[in-house]
Amino acid sequence: MRFVYIAFGWLMVVVGIIGAFLPVLPTTPFLLLAAWAFARSSPRLEAWLLDHKVFGPPLRDWRERGAISRRAKTMACLLMAASYAAFWFGSYPGPLAASLVALVMAASATFIVTRPDEHSGKR
């Protein structure tokens, strides 16, 4: 099982790094999954990821306080709004599909916005 967790962790690291360069693919959720997998398989790899100079701080903020930086909150909400606009104007969805997608995105945005900020611990 250790090998499965390590393989899954590395897959999530690769997808997370790809997400750092593609605006429609988030980075942090995949790296959170990688940290989770490494915690169950390799303390050394978990420490490497949590101590990484770029990826480590947001991962530690999330683990310690469930915190998301203001910049990440802003970017997530803006990208969700842009994605919904592209969905709306690109596919001309029916009322049910448009409502369901809007509901999922609004719930996701609400979750993100209500998390504490990275430094202040405030919402």
Protein backbone atom coordinates (compact mmCIF):
# COMPACT_ATOMS: atom_id res chain seq x y z
CA MET A 1 0.00 0.00 0.00
CA ARG A 2 2.96 2.31 0.66
CA PHE A 3 3.90 2.20 -3.02
CA VAL A 4 0.35 3.13 -4.04
CA TYR A 5 0.38 6.19 -1.75
CA ILE A 6 3.80 7.28 -3.03
CA ALA A 7 2.74 6.86 -6.67
CA PHE A 8 -0.49 8.75 -6.03
CA GLY A 9 1.45 11.50 -4.22
CA TRP A 10 3.85 11.96 -7.11
CA LEU A 11 0.98 11.98 -9.60
CA MET A 12 -0.68 14.75 -7.60
CA VAL A 13 2.62 16.70 -7.45
CA VAL A 14 2.92 16.50 -11.25
CA VAL A 15 -0.70 17.58 -11.79
CA GLY A 16 -0.24 20.38 -9.23
CA ILE A 17 2.86 21.67 -10.99
CA ILE A 18 1.03 21.60 -14.32
CA GLY A 19 -1.73 23.56 -12.60
CA ALA A 20 0.79 26.24 -11.64
CA PHE A 21 1.13 27.04 -15.35
CA LEU A 22 -2.48 26.53 -16.50
CA PRO A 23 -4.95 29.09 -15.16
CA VAL A 24 -7.92 26.71 -15.29
CA LEU A 25 -6.27 23.97 -13.20
CA PRO A 26 -5.78 24.65 -9.49
CA THR A 27 -2.45 23.80 -7.87
CA THR A 28 -3.03 23.69 -4.14
CA PRO A 29 -5.78 21.02 -3.97
CA PHE A 30 -3.56 18.58 -5.84
CA LEU A 31 -0.61 19.36 -3.61
CA LEU A 32 -2.82 18.90 -0.54
CA LEU A 33 -3.66 15.44 -1.85
CA ALA A 34 0.04 14.79 -2.44
CA ALA A 35 0.88 15.84 1.14
CA TRP A 36 -1.89 13.56 2.42
CA ALA A 37 -0.54 10.61 0.42
CA PHE A 38 3.05 11.29 1.45
CA ALA A 39 1.99 11.53 5.12
CA ARG A 40 0.78 7.95 4.82
CA SER A 41 3.80 6.63 2.95
CA SER A 42 6.96 8.72 3.29
CA PRO A 43 7.70 11.24 6.04
CA ARG A 44 10.70 12.39 3.98
CA LEU A 45 8.57 13.26 0.95
CA GLU A 46 5.93 14.88 3.14
CA ALA A 47 8.60 17.05 4.78
CA TRP A 48 10.05 17.94 1.36
CA LEU A 49 6.66 19.13 0.14
CA LEU A 50 5.78 21.05 3.32
CA ASP A 51 9.23 22.67 3.40
CA HIS A 52 9.21 23.62 -0.30
CA LYS A 53 9.83 27.36 -0.62
CA VAL A 54 6.95 27.96 -3.08
CA PHE A 55 4.40 25.26 -2.31
CA GLY A 56 5.07 24.75 1.40
CA PRO A 57 3.57 27.92 2.92
CA PRO A 58 0.03 27.53 1.53
CA LEU A 59 0.04 23.84 2.40
CA ARG A 60 1.16 24.53 5.97
CA ASP A 61 -1.39 27.37 6.30
CA TRP A 62 -4.16 24.99 5.26
CA ARG A 63 -3.00 22.18 7.54
CA GLU A 64 -2.49 24.37 10.59
CA ARG A 65 -5.50 26.69 10.37
CA GLY A 66 -7.53 25.85 7.28
CA ALA A 67 -6.31 29.19 5.92
CA ILE A 68 -6.30 30.37 2.30
CA SER A 69 -4.43 33.50 1.19
CA ARG A 70 -6.45 36.50 0.05
CA ARG A 71 -4.75 36.35 -3.32
CA ALA A 72 -5.74 32.69 -3.75
CA LYS A 73 -9.31 33.47 -2.70
CA THR A 74 -9.51 36.32 -5.19
CA MET A 75 -8.03 34.28 -8.02
CA ALA A 76 -10.30 31.30 -7.31
CA CYS A 77 -13.44 33.43 -7.31
CA LEU A 78 -12.42 35.34 -10.44
CA LEU A 79 -11.59 32.12 -12.29
CA MET A 80 -14.89 30.56 -11.22
CA ALA A 81 -16.77 33.61 -12.50
CA ALA A 82 -14.85 33.53 -15.78
CA SER A 83 -15.47 29.79 -16.10
CA TYR A 84 -19.17 30.28 -15.54
CA ALA A 85 -19.27 33.05 -18.14
CA ALA A 86 -17.48 30.80 -20.64
CA PHE A 87 -19.91 27.99 -19.80
CA TRP A 88 -22.91 30.30 -20.18
CA PHE A 89 -21.88 31.97 -23.44
CA GLY A 90 -20.11 28.95 -24.91
CA SER A 91 -22.77 26.31 -24.45
CA TYR A 92 -26.04 28.21 -23.97
CA PRO A 93 -27.19 25.84 -21.21
CA GLY A 94 -30.77 25.23 -20.29
CA PRO A 95 -32.14 26.72 -17.08
CA LEU A 96 -31.59 23.55 -15.04
CA ALA A 97 -27.96 23.07 -16.09
CA ALA A 98 -27.21 26.79 -15.66
CA SER A 99 -28.75 26.76 -12.18
CA LEU A 100 -26.95 23.61 -11.07
CA VAL A 101 -23.56 24.85 -12.25
CA ALA A 102 -24.18 28.25 -10.65
CA LEU A 103 -25.16 26.57 -7.38
CA VAL A 104 -22.03 24.41 -7.29
CA MET A 105 -19.79 27.37 -8.09
CA ALA A 106 -21.52 29.62 -5.54
CA ALA A 107 -21.17 26.95 -2.86
CA SER A 108 -17.49 26.51 -3.72
CA ALA A 109 -16.87 30.26 -3.67
CA THR A 110 -18.67 30.56 -0.33
CA PHE A 111 -16.50 27.83 1.16
CA ILE A 112 -13.32 29.49 -0.12
CA VAL A 113 -14.23 33.01 0.98
CA THR A 114 -15.22 31.91 4.49
CA ARG A 115 -11.84 30.29 5.24
CA PRO A 116 -9.42 32.30 7.40
CA ASP A 117 -6.71 34.37 5.71
CA GLU A 118 -3.14 33.04 5.74
CA HIS A 119 -1.54 35.58 8.09
CA SER A 120 -4.26 37.12 10.15
CA GLY A 121 -6.23 34.01 10.96
CA LYS A 122 -9.31 36.17 10.26
CA ARG A 123 -11.93 35.62 7.62
